[in-house]
Amino acid sequence: MLGINGFDTQRLSRGFAERVHAVWPRHDLGYAIAVDARANPMTAPLFSFPAHLDHLINGRPSPTFLDLVSNSAWGDQPLQSRIIANR
């Protein structure tokens, strides 16, 4: 995650990030991804990092895993629901 969150930048040699960004500017990377996702939602498939940014920054609704499972044809339920139903 060094490239996204900047953690552990001290592990890079001095001046490395500056040299890389001089050739490949970051352009506020996370926000640029969100702008692209807002313009074209197909660039942000469900459960992807771009979809996560689109949800956080643009406020686009994002289904959860449980939303998808509860609407599947398999009828899966969270474990707690099965325990309660079987009492």
N, C-alpha and C. Protein backbone atom coordinates (compact mmCIF):
# COMPACT_ATOMS: atom_id res chain seq x y z
N MET A 1 0.82 -1.20 0.00
CA MET A 1 0.00 0.00 0.00
C MET A 1 0.86 1.26 0.00
N LEU A 2 2.13 1.12 -0.07
CA LEU A 2 3.02 2.28 -0.06
C LEU A 2 2.61 3.30 -1.11
N GLY A 3 2.21 2.84 -2.30
CA GLY A 3 1.87 3.76 -3.37
C GLY A 3 0.60 4.54 -3.14
N ILE A 4 -0.29 4.04 -2.31
CA ILE A 4 -1.57 4.72 -2.09
C ILE A 4 -1.53 5.55 -0.81
N ASN A 5 -1.16 4.95 0.29
CA ASN A 5 -1.28 5.64 1.58
C ASN A 5 0.00 6.30 2.07
N GLY A 6 1.12 6.03 1.43
CA GLY A 6 2.36 6.68 1.83
C GLY A 6 3.02 6.11 3.07
N PHE A 7 2.47 5.01 3.61
CA PHE A 7 3.09 4.38 4.77
C PHE A 7 4.46 3.84 4.37
N ASP A 8 5.36 3.81 5.29
CA ASP A 8 6.70 3.24 5.10
C ASP A 8 7.53 3.95 4.05
N THR A 9 7.26 5.23 3.81
CA THR A 9 8.06 5.94 2.81
C THR A 9 9.53 6.02 3.20
N GLN A 10 9.83 5.85 4.48
CA GLN A 10 11.22 5.87 4.92
C GLN A 10 12.00 4.68 4.36
N ARG A 11 11.30 3.68 3.85
CA ARG A 11 11.97 2.52 3.28
C ARG A 11 12.52 2.81 1.88
N LEU A 12 12.07 3.89 1.28
CA LEU A 12 12.56 4.27 -0.05
C LEU A 12 13.88 5.02 0.10
N SER A 13 14.72 4.86 -0.89
CA SER A 13 15.98 5.61 -0.86
C SER A 13 15.68 7.10 -1.01
N ARG A 14 16.55 7.92 -0.45
CA ARG A 14 16.36 9.37 -0.46
C ARG A 14 16.23 9.86 -1.91
N GLY A 15 15.17 10.61 -2.16
CA GLY A 15 14.95 11.20 -3.48
C GLY A 15 14.23 10.30 -4.47
N PHE A 16 14.00 9.03 -4.11
CA PHE A 16 13.38 8.10 -5.05
C PHE A 16 11.98 8.56 -5.45
N ALA A 17 11.13 8.85 -4.47
CA ALA A 17 9.75 9.27 -4.77
C ALA A 17 9.74 10.53 -5.62
N GLU A 18 10.61 11.46 -5.32
CA GLU A 18 10.66 12.71 -6.10
C GLU A 18 11.03 12.43 -7.55
N ARG A 19 11.99 11.53 -7.77
CA ARG A 19 12.39 11.19 -9.14
C ARG A 19 11.25 10.49 -9.88
N VAL A 20 10.58 9.57 -9.21
CA VAL A 20 9.47 8.86 -9.84
C VAL A 20 8.33 9.83 -10.17
N HIS A 21 7.98 10.69 -9.22
CA HIS A 21 6.86 11.61 -9.44
C HIS A 21 7.19 12.69 -10.46
N ALA A 22 8.46 12.96 -10.68
CA ALA A 22 8.84 13.90 -11.73
C ALA A 22 8.51 13.32 -13.11
N VAL A 23 8.62 12.00 -13.24
CA VAL A 23 8.33 11.34 -14.51
C VAL A 23 6.86 10.93 -14.59
N TRP A 24 6.32 10.40 -13.48
CA TRP A 24 4.93 9.96 -13.41
C TRP A 24 4.24 10.67 -12.25
N PRO A 25 3.71 11.87 -12.49
CA PRO A 25 3.05 12.61 -11.40
C PRO A 25 1.85 11.85 -10.85
N ARG A 26 1.61 12.00 -9.56
CA ARG A 26 0.50 11.31 -8.92
C ARG A 26 -0.86 11.89 -9.30
N HIS A 27 -0.94 13.17 -9.56
CA HIS A 27 -2.21 13.82 -9.92
C HIS A 27 -3.31 13.50 -8.91
N ASP A 28 -2.96 13.56 -7.62
CA ASP A 28 -3.94 13.25 -6.57
C ASP A 28 -4.66 11.94 -6.90
N LEU A 29 -3.89 10.90 -6.97
CA LEU A 29 -4.29 9.60 -7.51
C LEU A 29 -5.67 9.12 -7.06
N GLY A 30 -5.91 9.05 -5.76
CA GLY A 30 -7.20 8.54 -5.27
C GLY A 30 -8.37 9.37 -5.76
N TYR A 31 -8.19 10.68 -5.76
CA TYR A 31 -9.27 11.56 -6.22
C TYR A 31 -9.45 11.47 -7.73
N ALA A 32 -8.36 11.27 -8.45
CA ALA A 32 -8.45 11.10 -9.90
C ALA A 32 -9.22 9.82 -10.24
N ILE A 33 -9.00 8.76 -9.47
CA ILE A 33 -9.73 7.52 -9.68
C ILE A 33 -11.22 7.75 -9.43
N ALA A 34 -11.56 8.50 -8.38
CA ALA A 34 -12.96 8.77 -8.05
C ALA A 34 -13.63 9.62 -9.12
N VAL A 35 -12.91 10.59 -9.67
CA VAL A 35 -13.46 11.42 -10.75
C VAL A 35 -13.75 10.55 -11.96
N ASP A 36 -12.83 9.66 -12.29
CA ASP A 36 -13.02 8.76 -13.42
C ASP A 36 -14.22 7.85 -13.19
N ALA A 37 -14.37 7.34 -11.98
CA ALA A 37 -15.49 6.46 -11.65
C ALA A 37 -16.82 7.19 -11.73
N ARG A 38 -16.83 8.46 -11.32
CA ARG A 38 -18.05 9.26 -11.41
C ARG A 38 -18.45 9.45 -12.86
N ALA A 39 -17.47 9.69 -13.72
CA ALA A 39 -17.74 9.92 -15.14
C ALA A 39 -18.11 8.62 -15.86
N ASN A 40 -17.53 7.51 -15.42
CA ASN A 40 -17.77 6.23 -16.08
C ASN A 40 -17.79 5.13 -15.03
N PRO A 41 -18.97 4.81 -14.48
CA PRO A 41 -19.07 3.80 -13.42
C PRO A 41 -18.52 2.43 -13.83
N MET A 42 -18.39 2.16 -15.11
CA MET A 42 -17.85 0.88 -15.55
C MET A 42 -16.38 0.73 -15.15
N THR A 43 -15.71 1.82 -14.81
CA THR A 43 -14.32 1.74 -14.38
C THR A 43 -14.20 1.39 -12.89
N ALA A 44 -15.35 1.22 -12.23
CA ALA A 44 -15.35 0.92 -10.79
C ALA A 44 -16.25 -0.28 -10.51
N PRO A 45 -15.81 -1.48 -10.91
CA PRO A 45 -16.65 -2.67 -10.67
C PRO A 45 -16.83 -2.94 -9.18
N LEU A 46 -17.92 -3.59 -8.83
CA LEU A 46 -18.24 -3.90 -7.44
C LEU A 46 -17.04 -4.48 -6.70
N PHE A 47 -16.85 -4.04 -5.48
CA PHE A 47 -15.83 -4.53 -4.55
C PHE A 47 -14.40 -4.21 -4.98
N SER A 48 -14.23 -3.36 -5.97
CA SER A 48 -12.88 -2.97 -6.40
C SER A 48 -12.44 -1.74 -5.61
N PHE A 49 -11.16 -1.46 -5.66
CA PHE A 49 -10.63 -0.25 -5.02
C PHE A 49 -11.26 1.01 -5.64
N PRO A 50 -11.38 1.10 -6.97
CA PRO A 50 -12.06 2.27 -7.54
C PRO A 50 -13.51 2.41 -7.06
N ALA A 51 -14.22 1.30 -6.90
CA ALA A 51 -15.60 1.37 -6.40
C ALA A 51 -15.63 1.89 -4.96
N HIS A 52 -14.67 1.47 -4.17
CA HIS A 52 -14.58 1.94 -2.79
C HIS A 52 -14.35 3.45 -2.75
N LEU A 53 -13.43 3.94 -3.57
CA LEU A 53 -13.18 5.39 -3.63
C LEU A 53 -14.40 6.13 -4.15
N ASP A 54 -15.07 5.58 -5.14
CA ASP A 54 -16.28 6.20 -5.69
C ASP A 54 -17.33 6.35 -4.59
N HIS A 55 -17.49 5.32 -3.78
CA HIS A 55 -18.45 5.37 -2.67
C HIS A 55 -18.04 6.42 -1.63
N LEU A 56 -16.78 6.42 -1.23
CA LEU A 56 -16.31 7.35 -0.20
C LEU A 56 -16.33 8.80 -0.65
N ILE A 57 -15.86 9.06 -1.86
CA ILE A 57 -15.67 10.43 -2.32
C ILE A 57 -16.90 10.97 -3.03
N ASN A 58 -17.52 10.16 -3.87
CA ASN A 58 -18.66 10.63 -4.66
C ASN A 58 -20.01 10.29 -4.03
N GLY A 59 -20.00 9.44 -3.02
CA GLY A 59 -21.24 9.09 -2.33
C GLY A 59 -22.12 8.11 -3.09
N ARG A 60 -21.57 7.47 -4.11
CA ARG A 60 -22.38 6.51 -4.87
C ARG A 60 -22.73 5.34 -3.95
N PRO A 61 -23.98 4.91 -3.95
CA PRO A 61 -24.35 3.76 -3.12
C PRO A 61 -23.51 2.55 -3.49
N SER A 62 -23.16 1.78 -2.49
CA SER A 62 -22.32 0.61 -2.72
C SER A 62 -22.90 -0.57 -1.96
N PRO A 63 -23.34 -1.61 -2.68
CA PRO A 63 -23.88 -2.76 -1.96
C PRO A 63 -22.79 -3.47 -1.17
N THR A 64 -23.20 -4.06 -0.09
CA THR A 64 -22.27 -4.84 0.72
C THR A 64 -22.32 -6.31 0.28
N PHE A 65 -21.40 -7.07 0.76
CA PHE A 65 -21.40 -8.51 0.49
C PHE A 65 -22.73 -9.11 0.94
N LEU A 66 -23.20 -8.72 2.12
CA LEU A 66 -24.46 -9.28 2.63
C LEU A 66 -25.65 -8.89 1.76
N ASP A 67 -25.62 -7.68 1.18
CA ASP A 67 -26.69 -7.29 0.24
C ASP A 67 -26.73 -8.26 -0.94
N LEU A 68 -25.57 -8.55 -1.49
CA LEU A 68 -25.53 -9.43 -2.66
C LEU A 68 -25.95 -10.85 -2.30
N VAL A 69 -25.45 -11.34 -1.17
CA VAL A 69 -25.78 -12.71 -0.77
C VAL A 69 -27.26 -12.84 -0.46
N SER A 70 -27.84 -11.85 0.20
CA SER A 70 -29.25 -11.94 0.57
C SER A 70 -30.16 -11.90 -0.65
N ASN A 71 -29.67 -11.38 -1.75
CA ASN A 71 -30.46 -11.33 -2.99
C ASN A 71 -30.09 -12.42 -3.98
N SER A 72 -29.28 -13.37 -3.55
CA SER A 72 -28.87 -14.44 -4.46
C SER A 72 -29.92 -15.56 -4.46
N ALA A 73 -29.82 -16.41 -5.43
CA ALA A 73 -30.75 -17.53 -5.54
C ALA A 73 -30.45 -18.66 -4.54
N TRP A 74 -29.30 -18.58 -3.86
CA TRP A 74 -28.90 -19.66 -2.97
C TRP A 74 -29.60 -19.62 -1.62
N GLY A 75 -30.16 -18.48 -1.24
CA GLY A 75 -30.84 -18.38 0.04
C GLY A 75 -29.91 -18.38 1.25
N ASP A 76 -28.63 -18.07 1.04
CA ASP A 76 -27.68 -18.03 2.16
C ASP A 76 -28.12 -16.99 3.18
N GLN A 77 -27.86 -17.28 4.44
CA GLN A 77 -28.16 -16.37 5.54
C GLN A 77 -26.95 -16.28 6.44
N PRO A 78 -26.77 -15.14 7.12
CA PRO A 78 -25.68 -15.07 8.10
C PRO A 78 -25.87 -16.15 9.15
N LEU A 79 -24.80 -16.65 9.69
CA LEU A 79 -24.84 -17.74 10.66
C LEU A 79 -25.79 -17.45 11.81
N GLN A 80 -25.75 -16.22 12.36
CA GLN A 80 -26.61 -15.87 13.49
C GLN A 80 -28.08 -16.04 13.13
N SER A 81 -28.46 -15.70 11.89
CA SER A 81 -29.86 -15.85 11.47
C SER A 81 -30.27 -17.31 11.48
N ARG A 82 -29.38 -18.20 11.06
CA ARG A 82 -29.69 -19.63 11.05
C ARG A 82 -29.84 -20.15 12.47
N ILE A 83 -29.02 -19.68 13.38
CA ILE A 83 -29.09 -20.14 14.77
C ILE A 83 -30.43 -19.73 15.37
N ILE A 84 -30.83 -18.49 15.14
CA ILE A 84 -32.10 -18.00 15.69
C ILE A 84 -33.27 -18.75 15.05
N ALA A 85 -33.23 -18.98 13.72
CA ALA A 85 -34.32 -19.64 13.02
C ALA A 85 -34.47 -21.10 13.45
N ASN A 86 -33.39 -21.74 13.87
CA ASN A 86 -33.45 -23.15 14.24
C ASN A 86 -33.83 -23.38 15.70
N ARG A 87 -34.09 -22.34 16.46
CA ARG A 87 -34.45 -22.51 17.88
C ARG A 87 -35.89 -22.88 18.02
